[in-house]
């Protein structure tokens, strides 16, 4: 499953479903997909996500079932890197007072 995050203030972002679900929960949301944040709630969600990333920036956040190949070094993508596009989207939405929506 893929999840698309949308706001009028920024380009649409698409993420793997389990990665997106984790980030949605780190924003303080229930994790339901589809879902949304009203413009008034975006700054608080942004701060919760930033705080979670600051607490564990190097924690791996890879999609479940990511393929690994025999003899290949396993490279994991950190929470900080996975969250960056969503943080930028939330910053833009907060700056312009726009809602944020996500759907699969």
N, C-alpha and C. Protein backbone atom coordinates (compact mmCIF):
# COMPACT_ATOMS: atom_id res chain seq x y z
N UNK A 1 0.85 -1.18 0.00
CA UNK A 1 0.00 0.00 0.00
C UNK A 1 0.89 1.24 0.00
N UNK A 2 0.48 2.24 -0.73
CA UNK A 2 1.13 3.55 -0.75
C UNK A 2 0.17 4.57 -0.15
N UNK A 3 0.72 5.58 0.50
CA UNK A 3 -0.08 6.65 1.10
C UNK A 3 0.38 7.97 0.50
N UNK A 4 -0.60 8.78 0.07
CA UNK A 4 -0.32 10.09 -0.50
C UNK A 4 -0.72 11.18 0.51
N UNK A 5 0.21 12.09 0.77
CA UNK A 5 -0.05 13.25 1.62
C UNK A 5 -0.25 14.45 0.70
N UNK A 6 -1.32 15.22 0.96
CA UNK A 6 -1.65 16.34 0.08
C UNK A 6 -2.00 17.58 0.89
N UNK A 7 -1.61 18.72 0.36
CA UNK A 7 -2.00 20.03 0.86
C UNK A 7 -1.89 20.99 -0.30
N UNK A 8 -2.64 22.06 -0.26
CA UNK A 8 -2.57 23.05 -1.33
C UNK A 8 -1.25 23.83 -1.31
N UNK A 9 -0.52 23.73 -0.21
CA UNK A 9 0.69 24.52 -0.03
C UNK A 9 1.97 23.82 -0.48
N UNK A 10 1.87 22.56 -0.93
CA UNK A 10 3.08 21.79 -1.22
C UNK A 10 2.75 20.68 -2.21
N UNK A 11 3.77 20.15 -2.84
CA UNK A 11 3.58 19.04 -3.77
C UNK A 11 3.13 17.79 -3.01
N UNK A 12 2.40 16.92 -3.69
CA UNK A 12 1.95 15.67 -3.09
C UNK A 12 3.15 14.76 -2.82
N UNK A 13 3.13 14.10 -1.66
CA UNK A 13 4.19 13.18 -1.26
C UNK A 13 3.59 11.78 -1.18
N UNK A 14 4.28 10.79 -1.70
CA UNK A 14 3.84 9.40 -1.63
C UNK A 14 4.86 8.60 -0.83
N UNK A 15 4.36 7.79 0.12
CA UNK A 15 5.22 6.96 0.97
C UNK A 15 4.66 5.55 1.04
N UNK A 16 5.54 4.61 1.42
CA UNK A 16 5.08 3.26 1.71
C UNK A 16 4.12 3.33 2.88
N UNK A 17 3.08 2.47 2.88
CA UNK A 17 2.02 2.53 3.87
C UNK A 17 2.47 2.40 5.30
N UNK A 18 3.35 1.43 5.61
CA UNK A 18 3.76 1.25 7.00
C UNK A 18 4.66 2.39 7.48
N UNK A 19 5.47 2.95 6.60
CA UNK A 19 6.29 4.10 6.95
C UNK A 19 5.37 5.30 7.23
N UNK A 20 4.41 5.53 6.33
CA UNK A 20 3.47 6.64 6.50
C UNK A 20 2.67 6.48 7.78
N UNK A 21 2.22 5.28 8.07
CA UNK A 21 1.44 5.03 9.29
C UNK A 21 2.25 5.39 10.53
N UNK A 22 3.51 5.00 10.57
CA UNK A 22 4.37 5.35 11.70
C UNK A 22 4.48 6.85 11.85
N UNK A 23 4.71 7.56 10.75
CA UNK A 23 4.85 9.01 10.80
C UNK A 23 3.54 9.69 11.22
N UNK A 24 2.43 9.18 10.73
CA UNK A 24 1.12 9.72 11.12
C UNK A 24 0.93 9.57 12.63
N UNK A 25 1.29 8.42 13.17
CA UNK A 25 1.16 8.21 14.61
C UNK A 25 2.12 9.09 15.39
N UNK A 26 3.32 9.32 14.88
CA UNK A 26 4.27 10.21 15.54
C UNK A 26 3.77 11.65 15.55
N UNK A 27 2.91 12.00 14.60
CA UNK A 27 2.30 13.34 14.59
C UNK A 27 1.21 13.47 15.65
N UNK A 28 0.87 12.35 16.29
CA UNK A 28 -0.17 12.38 17.31
C UNK A 28 -1.54 12.02 16.79
N UNK A 29 -1.62 11.52 15.58
CA UNK A 29 -2.89 11.13 14.99
C UNK A 29 -3.14 9.65 15.26
N UNK A 30 -4.38 9.24 15.12
CA UNK A 30 -4.75 7.85 15.41
C UNK A 30 -4.12 6.84 14.45
N UNK A 31 -3.74 7.28 13.28
CA UNK A 31 -3.17 6.38 12.30
C UNK A 31 -4.16 5.88 11.28
N UNK A 32 -5.35 6.43 11.28
CA UNK A 32 -6.34 6.01 10.28
C UNK A 32 -5.97 6.55 8.91
N UNK A 33 -6.22 5.73 7.92
CA UNK A 33 -6.00 6.11 6.52
C UNK A 33 -7.27 5.79 5.77
N UNK A 34 -7.93 6.73 5.18
CA UNK A 34 -7.57 8.13 5.00
C UNK A 34 -7.75 8.94 6.28
N UNK A 35 -7.11 10.10 6.28
CA UNK A 35 -7.20 10.99 7.42
C UNK A 35 -6.82 12.41 7.02
N UNK A 36 -6.91 13.31 8.00
CA UNK A 36 -6.63 14.71 7.70
C UNK A 36 -6.31 15.46 8.97
N UNK A 37 -5.64 16.59 8.78
CA UNK A 37 -5.41 17.56 9.84
C UNK A 37 -5.99 18.89 9.38
N UNK A 38 -6.77 19.51 10.24
CA UNK A 38 -7.23 20.85 9.95
C UNK A 38 -6.05 21.80 10.06
N UNK A 39 -6.10 22.91 9.34
CA UNK A 39 -5.00 23.87 9.33
C UNK A 39 -4.59 24.27 10.75
N UNK A 40 -5.55 24.43 11.65
CA UNK A 40 -5.25 24.84 13.02
C UNK A 40 -4.47 23.77 13.79
N UNK A 41 -4.57 22.51 13.37
CA UNK A 41 -3.89 21.40 14.05
C UNK A 41 -2.52 21.07 13.46
N UNK A 42 -2.20 21.63 12.32
CA UNK A 42 -0.95 21.30 11.64
C UNK A 42 0.29 21.69 12.46
N UNK A 43 0.36 22.91 13.03
CA UNK A 43 1.57 23.26 13.79
C UNK A 43 1.87 22.31 14.95
N UNK A 44 0.86 21.87 15.67
CA UNK A 44 1.07 20.94 16.79
C UNK A 44 1.55 19.59 16.28
N UNK A 45 0.97 19.11 15.19
CA UNK A 45 1.40 17.83 14.60
C UNK A 45 2.85 17.93 14.13
N UNK A 46 3.19 19.05 13.54
CA UNK A 46 4.56 19.28 13.08
C UNK A 46 5.53 19.23 14.25
N UNK A 47 5.20 19.88 15.33
CA UNK A 47 6.08 19.88 16.50
C UNK A 47 6.22 18.50 17.12
N UNK A 48 5.14 17.73 17.16
CA UNK A 48 5.23 16.36 17.68
C UNK A 48 6.13 15.50 16.80
N UNK A 49 6.01 15.65 15.49
CA UNK A 49 6.85 14.88 14.58
C UNK A 49 8.31 15.30 14.72
N UNK A 50 8.56 16.59 14.79
CA UNK A 50 9.94 17.07 14.97
C UNK A 50 10.54 16.55 16.27
N UNK A 51 9.76 16.55 17.34
CA UNK A 51 10.24 16.06 18.64
C UNK A 51 10.60 14.58 18.57
N UNK A 52 9.76 13.79 17.91
CA UNK A 52 10.03 12.36 17.78
C UNK A 52 11.30 12.12 16.97
N UNK A 53 11.48 12.88 15.91
CA UNK A 53 12.68 12.74 15.09
C UNK A 53 13.91 13.17 15.88
N UNK A 54 13.81 14.25 16.63
CA UNK A 54 14.94 14.72 17.43
C UNK A 54 15.34 13.70 18.50
N UNK A 55 14.36 12.99 19.02
CA UNK A 55 14.62 12.00 20.06
C UNK A 55 15.33 10.76 19.53
N UNK A 56 14.96 10.33 18.31
CA UNK A 56 15.54 9.11 17.72
C UNK A 56 15.85 9.32 16.24
N UNK A 57 16.73 10.26 15.90
CA UNK A 57 16.93 10.56 14.47
C UNK A 57 17.51 9.40 13.66
N UNK A 58 18.30 8.54 14.28
CA UNK A 58 18.95 7.47 13.54
C UNK A 58 18.20 6.15 13.59
N UNK A 59 17.03 6.13 14.23
CA UNK A 59 16.24 4.90 14.29
C UNK A 59 15.86 4.49 12.88
N UNK A 60 16.03 3.22 12.54
CA UNK A 60 15.67 2.78 11.17
C UNK A 60 14.16 2.80 10.97
N UNK A 61 13.74 3.26 9.82
CA UNK A 61 12.32 3.25 9.46
C UNK A 61 12.21 2.80 8.02
N UNK A 62 12.28 1.49 7.84
CA UNK A 62 12.20 0.89 6.52
C UNK A 62 10.85 0.21 6.35
N UNK A 63 10.38 0.11 5.12
CA UNK A 63 9.11 -0.58 4.89
C UNK A 63 9.20 -2.04 5.30
N UNK A 64 8.12 -2.56 5.82
CA UNK A 64 8.08 -3.98 6.18
C UNK A 64 8.24 -4.82 4.92
N UNK A 65 8.98 -5.87 5.05
CA UNK A 65 9.16 -6.76 3.91
C UNK A 65 10.06 -6.22 2.83
N UNK A 66 10.90 -5.22 3.18
CA UNK A 66 11.82 -4.67 2.19
C UNK A 66 12.76 -5.79 1.73
N UNK A 67 12.98 -5.90 0.44
CA UNK A 67 13.80 -7.01 -0.05
C UNK A 67 15.26 -6.87 0.38
N UNK A 68 15.86 -7.98 0.70
CA UNK A 68 17.30 -8.02 0.96
C UNK A 68 17.89 -9.05 0.02
N UNK A 69 19.08 -8.81 -0.41
CA UNK A 69 19.72 -9.70 -1.37
C UNK A 69 20.92 -10.36 -0.71
N UNK A 70 21.09 -11.61 -0.98
CA UNK A 70 22.16 -12.39 -0.38
C UNK A 70 23.51 -11.75 -0.72
N UNK A 71 24.32 -11.56 0.32
CA UNK A 71 25.65 -11.00 0.12
C UNK A 71 25.67 -9.48 0.01
N UNK A 72 24.52 -8.85 0.09
CA UNK A 72 24.47 -7.39 -0.03
C UNK A 72 24.36 -6.77 1.36
N UNK A 73 25.08 -5.71 1.55
CA UNK A 73 25.01 -4.99 2.82
C UNK A 73 23.60 -4.40 2.97
N UNK A 74 23.02 -4.58 4.15
CA UNK A 74 21.68 -4.05 4.41
C UNK A 74 21.82 -2.58 4.81
N UNK A 75 21.19 -1.73 4.06
CA UNK A 75 21.22 -0.30 4.36
C UNK A 75 19.84 0.10 4.80
N UNK A 76 19.79 0.73 5.95
CA UNK A 76 18.52 1.17 6.48
C UNK A 76 18.41 2.68 6.37
N UNK A 77 17.19 3.14 6.17
CA UNK A 77 16.93 4.57 6.08
C UNK A 77 16.42 5.03 7.44
N UNK A 78 17.00 6.10 7.94
CA UNK A 78 16.68 6.58 9.28
C UNK A 78 15.35 7.31 9.33
N UNK A 79 14.83 7.38 10.53
CA UNK A 79 13.60 8.13 10.79
C UNK A 79 13.75 9.57 10.30
N UNK A 80 14.89 10.18 10.57
CA UNK A 80 15.11 11.58 10.16
C UNK A 80 14.98 11.74 8.65
N UNK A 81 15.53 10.80 7.88
CA UNK A 81 15.45 10.90 6.43
C UNK A 81 14.04 10.61 5.91
N UNK A 82 13.37 9.62 6.49
CA UNK A 82 12.00 9.30 6.05
C UNK A 82 11.03 10.43 6.37
N UNK A 83 11.24 11.09 7.51
CA UNK A 83 10.31 12.13 7.95
C UNK A 83 10.51 13.47 7.24
N UNK A 84 11.69 13.71 6.69
CA UNK A 84 12.00 15.02 6.11
C UNK A 84 10.98 15.52 5.09
N UNK A 85 10.56 14.74 4.10
CA UNK A 85 9.56 15.27 3.15
C UNK A 85 8.24 15.64 3.83
N UNK A 86 7.82 14.84 4.79
CA UNK A 86 6.57 15.15 5.49
C UNK A 86 6.72 16.38 6.36
N UNK A 87 7.87 16.55 7.00
CA UNK A 87 8.13 17.76 7.79
C UNK A 87 8.06 18.98 6.89
N UNK A 88 8.66 18.91 5.72
CA UNK A 88 8.62 20.04 4.79
C UNK A 88 7.19 20.33 4.34
N UNK A 89 6.41 19.30 4.07
CA UNK A 89 5.01 19.48 3.69
C UNK A 89 4.24 20.16 4.83
N UNK A 90 4.43 19.69 6.05
CA UNK A 90 3.73 20.28 7.20
C UNK A 90 4.17 21.72 7.44
N UNK A 91 5.45 22.02 7.25
CA UNK A 91 5.92 23.40 7.40
C UNK A 91 5.24 24.32 6.39
N UNK A 92 5.14 23.87 5.15
CA UNK A 92 4.49 24.67 4.11
C UNK A 92 3.01 24.86 4.43
N UNK A 93 2.35 23.80 4.86
CA UNK A 93 0.93 23.90 5.20
C UNK A 93 0.71 24.84 6.37
N UNK A 94 1.57 24.76 7.38
CA UNK A 94 1.45 25.65 8.54
C UNK A 94 1.67 27.10 8.14
N UNK A 95 2.66 27.34 7.29
CA UNK A 95 2.96 28.70 6.86
C UNK A 95 1.82 29.34 6.08
N UNK A 96 1.10 28.53 5.32
CA UNK A 96 0.02 29.06 4.48
C UNK A 96 -1.37 28.80 5.06
N UNK A 97 -1.43 28.21 6.25
CA UNK A 97 -2.72 27.95 6.88
C UNK A 97 -3.60 26.98 6.12
N UNK A 98 -3.00 25.91 5.60
CA UNK A 98 -3.74 24.93 4.80
C UNK A 98 -3.94 23.61 5.56
N UNK A 99 -4.98 22.89 5.20
CA UNK A 99 -5.23 21.56 5.74
C UNK A 99 -4.27 20.57 5.10
N UNK A 100 -4.09 19.42 5.75
CA UNK A 100 -3.28 18.32 5.21
C UNK A 100 -4.15 17.08 5.19
N UNK A 101 -4.14 16.36 4.09
CA UNK A 101 -4.94 15.13 3.96
C UNK A 101 -4.03 14.00 3.50
N UNK A 102 -4.39 12.78 3.86
CA UNK A 102 -3.68 11.60 3.37
C UNK A 102 -4.67 10.51 3.04
N UNK A 103 -4.30 9.72 2.04
CA UNK A 103 -5.16 8.61 1.58
C UNK A 103 -4.30 7.56 0.91
N UNK A 104 -4.86 6.37 0.80
CA UNK A 104 -4.11 5.29 0.12
C UNK A 104 -4.57 5.18 -1.32
